[in-house]
Amino acid sequence: MAENEIVLRKFRDKQTGEEFDLKTAFIERVIPVPMPVNVPLYVDGEMIPETELEKIGLEIVGYTQEQLDTVYYAELYAGNPDLAPRVRQYRDYLDNLALPYDATTDRIDAALQGREDLDAAGRLELAARIRTAFQDIVLNLEACGYMTASYEAWAQMPKLVKYLPAEAPEPEAENTDIQNQDIQNQDVREE
């Protein structure tokens, strides 16, 4: 055996200098372990100061009603694709009658009675179309879980109109070989 050959190995604690047998299974240490904890945001009913919020990575943000409505109605229309065309149809009826979007049935009936360009049957038919368009909106809101959908449709109509998503442009029809053949056949018949 050589003089500088290692014959005994041990663990040595670098902090205390204490040595342990290599067969020691564990030692006790205080190790900072990340652990979720509940950090109170209120103390004695008062919110902690913003400087304390910053220390824990929080900030207070504010939203305008306009910002909230923009998100709310975008989600409402995105989750209910039949709603936008129905609101557009109802909006167009009210625009044609020069009525506000929260017009009551009494105001709509009065505007219809004032339409001298329509006879009684025409006014009844237009009234039925307007009511049907409104009922279609109510059905969409009921499908979204509104308990008072009829009231909500009337109360929210100005915002439903305001936040209507832009209409997607209709794709232009491409002339296919069949369409071109039809056009040529029509030209031949006309000659």
C-alpha atoms as a PDB file:
ATOM      1  CA  MET A   1       0.000   0.000   0.000  1.00  0.00           C
ATOM      2  CA  ALA A   2       1.276   3.395  -0.977  1.00  0.00           C
ATOM      3  CA  GLU A   3       1.727   6.054   1.617  1.00  0.00           C
ATOM      4  CA  ASN A   4      -0.637   8.583  -0.001  1.00  0.00           C
ATOM      5  CA  GLU A   5      -3.316   6.048  -0.939  1.00  0.00           C
ATOM      6  CA  ILE A   6      -6.728   6.956   0.536  1.00  0.00           C
ATOM      7  CA  VAL A   7      -7.937   4.265   2.899  1.00  0.00           C
ATOM      8  CA  LEU A   8     -10.907   5.993   4.528  1.00  0.00           C
ATOM      9  CA  ARG A   9     -13.564   8.224   3.036  1.00  0.00           C
ATOM     10  CA  LYS A  10     -16.078  10.314   4.998  1.00  0.00           C
ATOM     11  CA  PHE A  11     -18.586  13.076   4.479  1.00  0.00           C
ATOM     12  CA  ARG A  12     -17.466  16.415   5.876  1.00  0.00           C
ATOM     13  CA  ASP A  13     -19.863  19.251   6.612  1.00  0.00           C
ATOM     14  CA  LYS A  14     -18.274  22.318   5.038  1.00  0.00           C
ATOM     15  CA  GLN A  15     -20.197  24.615   7.375  1.00  0.00           C
ATOM     16  CA  THR A  16     -19.356  22.937  10.707  1.00  0.00           C
ATOM     17  CA  GLY A  17     -16.395  20.767   9.856  1.00  0.00           C
ATOM     18  CA  GLU A  18     -18.177  17.749  11.344  1.00  0.00           C
ATOM     19  CA  GLU A  19     -17.473  14.420   9.607  1.00  0.00           C
ATOM     20  CA  PHE A  20     -19.873  11.538   8.919  1.00  0.00           C
ATOM     21  CA  ASP A  21     -19.488   7.949   7.832  1.00  0.00           C
ATOM     22  CA  LEU A  22     -20.186   7.370   4.110  1.00  0.00           C
ATOM     23  CA  LYS A  23     -22.949   4.984   5.176  1.00  0.00           C
ATOM     24  CA  THR A  24     -24.884   7.852   6.783  1.00  0.00           C
ATOM     25  CA  ALA A  25     -28.244   7.909   4.997  1.00  0.00           C
ATOM     26  CA  PHE A  26     -29.179  11.536   5.669  1.00  0.00           C
ATOM     27  CA  ILE A  27     -28.355  14.609   7.678  1.00  0.00           C
ATOM     28  CA  GLU A  28     -30.578  17.372   8.926  1.00  0.00           C
ATOM     29  CA  ARG A  29     -30.394  20.638   6.983  1.00  0.00           C
ATOM     30  CA  VAL A  30     -32.497  23.761   6.757  1.00  0.00           C
ATOM     31  CA  ILE A  31     -33.055  24.228   3.051  1.00  0.00           C
ATOM     32  CA  PRO A  32     -35.233  27.020   1.678  1.00  0.00           C
ATOM     33  CA  VAL A  33     -37.884  25.155  -0.264  1.00  0.00           C
ATOM     34  CA  PRO A  34     -40.238  27.184  -2.442  1.00  0.00           C
ATOM     35  CA  MET A  35     -43.651  26.554  -1.063  1.00  0.00           C
ATOM     36  CA  PRO A  36     -46.987  28.180  -1.847  1.00  0.00           C
ATOM     37  CA  VAL A  37     -48.202  30.310   1.023  1.00  0.00           C
ATOM     38  CA  ASN A  38     -51.248  32.505   1.484  1.00  0.00           C
ATOM     39  CA  VAL A  39     -50.129  36.116   1.508  1.00  0.00           C
ATOM     40  CA  PRO A  40     -52.800  38.356   3.018  1.00  0.00           C
ATOM     41  CA  LEU A  41     -53.787  41.276   0.819  1.00  0.00           C
ATOM     42  CA  TYR A  42     -55.841  42.879   3.571  1.00  0.00           C
ATOM     43  CA  VAL A  43     -54.829  43.545   7.170  1.00  0.00           C
ATOM     44  CA  ASP A  44     -57.536  44.610   9.622  1.00  0.00           C
ATOM     45  CA  GLY A  45     -59.920  45.155   6.718  1.00  0.00           C
ATOM     46  CA  GLU A  46     -57.534  47.487   4.872  1.00  0.00           C
ATOM     47  CA  MET A  47     -55.728  46.628   1.663  1.00  0.00           C
ATOM     48  CA  ILE A  48     -51.973  46.474   2.092  1.00  0.00           C
ATOM     49  CA  PRO A  49     -50.094  49.434   0.540  1.00  0.00           C
ATOM     50  CA  GLU A  50     -49.198  49.309  -3.149  1.00  0.00           C
ATOM     51  CA  THR A  51     -45.506  49.167  -2.205  1.00  0.00           C
ATOM     52  CA  GLU A  52     -46.197  45.880  -0.400  1.00  0.00           C
ATOM     53  CA  LEU A  53     -48.202  44.642  -3.377  1.00  0.00           C
ATOM     54  CA  GLU A  54     -45.242  45.364  -5.639  1.00  0.00           C
ATOM     55  CA  LYS A  55     -42.976  43.288  -3.377  1.00  0.00           C
ATOM     56  CA  ILE A  56     -45.171  40.249  -3.978  1.00  0.00           C
ATOM     57  CA  GLY A  57     -45.469  40.930  -7.708  1.00  0.00           C
ATOM     58  CA  LEU A  58     -48.937  42.458  -7.802  1.00  0.00           C
ATOM     59  CA  GLU A  59     -50.286  45.708  -9.149  1.00  0.00           C
ATOM     60  CA  ILE A  60     -53.729  47.227  -9.287  1.00  0.00           C
ATOM     61  CA  VAL A  61     -55.189  47.730 -12.750  1.00  0.00           C
ATOM     62  CA  GLY A  62     -58.414  49.470 -13.695  1.00  0.00           C
ATOM     63  CA  TYR A  63     -60.794  48.965 -16.594  1.00  0.00           C
ATOM     64  CA  THR A  64     -63.349  51.326 -18.071  1.00  0.00           C
ATOM     65  CA  GLN A  65     -66.888  50.174 -18.766  1.00  0.00           C
ATOM     66  CA  GLU A  66     -66.049  50.522 -22.456  1.00  0.00           C
ATOM     67  CA  GLN A  67     -63.157  48.073 -22.100  1.00  0.00           C
ATOM     68  CA  LEU A  68     -65.293  45.611 -20.148  1.00  0.00           C
ATOM     69  CA  ASP A  69     -68.139  45.862 -22.658  1.00  0.00           C
ATOM     70  CA  THR A  70     -65.776  45.386 -25.596  1.00  0.00           C
ATOM     71  CA  VAL A  71     -64.529  42.100 -24.151  1.00  0.00           C
ATOM     72  CA  TYR A  72     -67.970  40.958 -22.936  1.00  0.00           C
ATOM     73  CA  TYR A  73     -69.794  41.507 -26.222  1.00  0.00           C
ATOM     74  CA  ALA A  74     -66.930  40.126 -28.323  1.00  0.00           C
ATOM     75  CA  GLU A  75     -67.140  36.910 -26.288  1.00  0.00           C
ATOM     76  CA  LEU A  76     -70.939  36.902 -26.494  1.00  0.00           C
ATOM     77  CA  TYR A  77     -70.859  37.163 -30.297  1.00  0.00           C
ATOM     78  CA  ALA A  78     -67.968  34.700 -30.632  1.00  0.00           C
ATOM     79  CA  GLY A  79     -69.820  32.083 -28.599  1.00  0.00           C
ATOM     80  CA  ASN A  80     -73.099  32.632 -30.414  1.00  0.00           C
ATOM     81  CA  PRO A  81     -72.533  33.048 -34.176  1.00  0.00           C
ATOM     82  CA  ASP A  82     -76.259  33.359 -35.003  1.00  0.00           C
ATOM     83  CA  LEU A  83     -76.628  36.410 -32.776  1.00  0.00           C
ATOM     84  CA  ALA A  84     -74.850  38.989 -34.960  1.00  0.00           C
ATOM     85  CA  PRO A  85     -77.004  38.531 -38.090  1.00  0.00           C
ATOM     86  CA  ARG A  86     -80.151  38.679 -35.954  1.00  0.00           C
ATOM     87  CA  VAL A  87     -79.068  41.873 -34.225  1.00  0.00           C
ATOM     88  CA  ARG A  88     -78.179  43.394 -37.611  1.00  0.00           C
ATOM     89  CA  GLN A  89     -81.628  42.545 -38.932  1.00  0.00           C
ATOM     90  CA  TYR A  90     -83.375  44.063 -35.909  1.00  0.00           C
ATOM     91  CA  ARG A  91     -81.096  47.126 -36.060  1.00  0.00           C
ATOM     92  CA  ASP A  92     -81.998  47.635 -39.717  1.00  0.00           C
ATOM     93  CA  TYR A  93     -85.719  47.502 -38.925  1.00  0.00           C
ATOM     94  CA  LEU A  94     -85.331  50.134 -36.202  1.00  0.00           C
ATOM     95  CA  ASP A  95     -83.097  52.296 -38.397  1.00  0.00           C
ATOM     96  CA  ASN A  96     -85.756  52.128 -41.119  1.00  0.00           C
ATOM     97  CA  LEU A  97     -88.300  53.394 -38.593  1.00  0.00           C
ATOM     98  CA  ALA A  98     -85.843  56.037 -37.245  1.00  0.00           C
ATOM     99  CA  LEU A  99     -86.155  54.585 -33.735  1.00  0.00           C
ATOM    100  CA  PRO A 100     -83.541  54.231 -31.001  1.00  0.00           C
ATOM    101  CA  TYR A 101     -82.286  50.725 -30.364  1.00  0.00           C
ATOM    102  CA  ASP A 102     -83.996  50.508 -26.979  1.00  0.00           C
ATOM    103  CA  ALA A 103     -87.402  51.410 -28.432  1.00  0.00           C
ATOM    104  CA  THR A 104     -90.356  49.881 -26.633  1.00  0.00           C
ATOM    105  CA  THR A 105     -93.059  47.938 -28.428  1.00  0.00           C
ATOM    106  CA  ASP A 106     -95.365  50.953 -27.988  1.00  0.00           C
ATOM    107  CA  ARG A 107     -92.896  53.203 -29.804  1.00  0.00           C
ATOM    108  CA  ILE A 108     -92.414  50.628 -32.539  1.00  0.00           C
ATOM    109  CA  ASP A 109     -96.188  50.266 -32.986  1.00  0.00           C
ATOM    110  CA  ALA A 110     -96.578  54.060 -33.110  1.00  0.00           C
ATOM    111  CA  ALA A 111     -93.826  54.334 -35.736  1.00  0.00           C
ATOM    112  CA  LEU A 112     -95.469  51.591 -37.770  1.00  0.00           C
ATOM    113  CA  GLN A 113     -98.831  53.361 -37.640  1.00  0.00           C
ATOM    114  CA  GLY A 114     -97.099  56.493 -38.936  1.00  0.00           C
ATOM    115  CA  ARG A 115     -95.841  54.683 -42.031  1.00  0.00           C
ATOM    116  CA  GLU A 116     -98.087  56.068 -44.754  1.00  0.00           C
ATOM    117  CA  ASP A 117     -96.209  54.155 -47.458  1.00  0.00           C
ATOM    118  CA  LEU A 118     -97.656  50.895 -46.102  1.00  0.00           C
ATOM    119  CA  ASP A 119    -101.240  49.744 -46.003  1.00  0.00           C
ATOM    120  CA  ALA A 120    -102.638  47.996 -42.900  1.00  0.00           C
ATOM    121  CA  ALA A 121    -101.536  44.565 -44.118  1.00  0.00           C
ATOM    122  CA  GLY A 122     -98.034  45.855 -44.842  1.00  0.00           C
ATOM    123  CA  ARG A 123     -97.774  47.399 -41.370  1.00  0.00           C
ATOM    124  CA  LEU A 124     -98.918  44.124 -39.790  1.00  0.00           C
ATOM    125  CA  GLU A 125     -96.408  42.162 -41.825  1.00  0.00           C
ATOM    126  CA  LEU A 126     -93.559  44.516 -40.886  1.00  0.00           C
ATOM    127  CA  ALA A 127     -94.603  44.405 -37.216  1.00  0.00           C
ATOM    128  CA  ALA A 128     -94.526  40.599 -37.331  1.00  0.00           C
ATOM    129  CA  ARG A 129     -91.067  40.634 -38.915  1.00  0.00           C
ATOM    130  CA  ILE A 130     -89.752  43.033 -36.263  1.00  0.00           C
ATOM    131  CA  ARG A 131     -91.211  40.925 -33.430  1.00  0.00           C
ATOM    132  CA  THR A 132     -89.772  37.759 -34.978  1.00  0.00           C
ATOM    133  CA  ALA A 133     -86.325  39.368 -35.281  1.00  0.00           C
ATOM    134  CA  PHE A 134     -86.509  40.412 -31.621  1.00  0.00           C
ATOM    135  CA  GLN A 135     -87.685  36.944 -30.531  1.00  0.00           C
ATOM    136  CA  ASP A 136     -84.769  35.388 -32.407  1.00  0.00           C
ATOM    137  CA  ILE A 137     -82.385  37.551 -30.348  1.00  0.00           C
ATOM    138  CA  VAL A 138     -84.203  36.489 -27.184  1.00  0.00           C
ATOM    139  CA  LEU A 139     -83.718  32.829 -28.157  1.00  0.00           C
ATOM    140  CA  ASN A 140     -80.005  33.419 -28.630  1.00  0.00           C
ATOM    141  CA  LEU A 141     -79.715  35.045 -25.198  1.00  0.00           C
ATOM    142  CA  GLU A 142     -81.693  32.206 -23.608  1.00  0.00           C
ATOM    143  CA  ALA A 143     -79.208  29.788 -25.168  1.00  0.00           C
ATOM    144  CA  CYS A 144     -76.457  31.786 -23.421  1.00  0.00           C
ATOM    145  CA  GLY A 145     -78.154  31.207 -20.075  1.00  0.00           C
ATOM    146  CA  TYR A 146     -79.968  34.508 -19.557  1.00  0.00           C
ATOM    147  CA  MET A 147     -82.876  33.925 -17.185  1.00  0.00           C
ATOM    148  CA  THR A 148     -84.685  37.112 -18.253  1.00  0.00           C
ATOM    149  CA  ALA A 149     -83.667  37.031 -21.906  1.00  0.00           C
ATOM    150  CA  SER A 150     -86.586  39.110 -23.182  1.00  0.00           C
ATOM    151  CA  TYR A 151     -85.772  41.980 -20.819  1.00  0.00           C
ATOM    152  CA  GLU A 152     -82.014  41.619 -21.405  1.00  0.00           C
ATOM    153  CA  ALA A 153     -82.470  41.719 -25.173  1.00  0.00           C
ATOM    154  CA  TRP A 154     -84.341  45.012 -24.904  1.00  0.00           C
ATOM    155  CA  ALA A 155     -82.063  46.513 -22.216  1.00  0.00           C
ATOM    156  CA  GLN A 156     -78.837  45.501 -23.951  1.00  0.00           C
ATOM    157  CA  MET A 157     -79.922  46.243 -27.516  1.00  0.00           C
ATOM    158  CA  PRO A 158     -78.014  49.560 -27.778  1.00  0.00           C
ATOM    159  CA  LYS A 159     -74.813  47.798 -26.710  1.00  0.00           C
ATOM    160  CA  LEU A 160     -75.555  44.726 -28.813  1.00  0.00           C
ATOM    161  CA  VAL A 161     -75.721  47.074 -31.798  1.00  0.00           C
ATOM    162  CA  LYS A 162     -72.707  49.148 -30.717  1.00  0.00           C
ATOM    163  CA  TYR A 163     -70.447  46.122 -30.348  1.00  0.00           C
ATOM    164  CA  LEU A 164     -71.640  44.220 -33.401  1.00  0.00           C
ATOM    165  CA  PRO A 165     -68.660  42.552 -35.055  1.00  0.00           C
ATOM    166  CA  ALA A 166     -67.856  43.779 -38.525  1.00  0.00           C
ATOM    167  CA  GLU A 167     -69.509  41.810 -41.266  1.00  0.00           C
ATOM    168  CA  ALA A 168     -67.159  39.496 -43.078  1.00  0.00           C
ATOM    169  CA  PRO A 169     -67.036  40.406 -46.750  1.00  0.00           C
ATOM    170  CA  GLU A 170     -68.674  37.842 -48.946  1.00  0.00           C
ATOM    171  CA  PRO A 171     -66.144  35.978 -51.070  1.00  0.00           C
ATOM    172  CA  GLU A 172     -66.322  36.750 -54.746  1.00  0.00           C
ATOM    173  CA  ALA A 173     -67.558  33.882 -56.852  1.00  0.00           C
ATOM    174  CA  GLU A 174     -64.865  32.383 -58.998  1.00  0.00           C
ATOM    175  CA  ASN A 175     -65.711  31.559 -62.575  1.00  0.00           C
ATOM    176  CA  THR A 176     -65.403  27.827 -62.761  1.00  0.00           C
ATOM    177  CA  ASP A 177     -65.416  25.875 -65.978  1.00  0.00           C
ATOM    178  CA  ILE A 178     -69.119  25.020 -65.463  1.00  0.00           C
ATOM    179  CA  GLN A 179     -70.019  28.675 -64.929  1.00  0.00           C
ATOM    180  CA  ASN A 180     -68.027  29.672 -68.010  1.00  0.00           C
ATOM    181  CA  GLN A 181     -69.778  26.971 -70.059  1.00  0.00           C
ATOM    182  CA  ASP A 182     -73.183  28.235 -68.825  1.00  0.00           C
ATOM    183  CA  ILE A 183     -72.268  31.783 -69.855  1.00  0.00           C
ATOM    184  CA  GLN A 184     -71.144  30.611 -73.297  1.00  0.00           C
ATOM    185  CA  ASN A 185     -74.321  28.540 -73.749  1.00  0.00           C
ATOM    186  CA  GLN A 186     -76.442  31.551 -72.774  1.00  0.00           C
ATOM    187  CA  ASP A 187     -74.570  33.736 -75.296  1.00  0.00           C
ATOM    188  CA  VAL A 188     -75.169  31.175 -78.038  1.00  0.00           C
ATOM    189  CA  ARG A 189     -78.912  30.996 -77.262  1.00  0.00           C
ATOM    190  CA  GLU A 190     -79.249  34.773 -77.354  1.00  0.00           C
ATOM    191  CA  GLU A 191     -77.717  35.009 -80.854  1.00  0.00           C
END
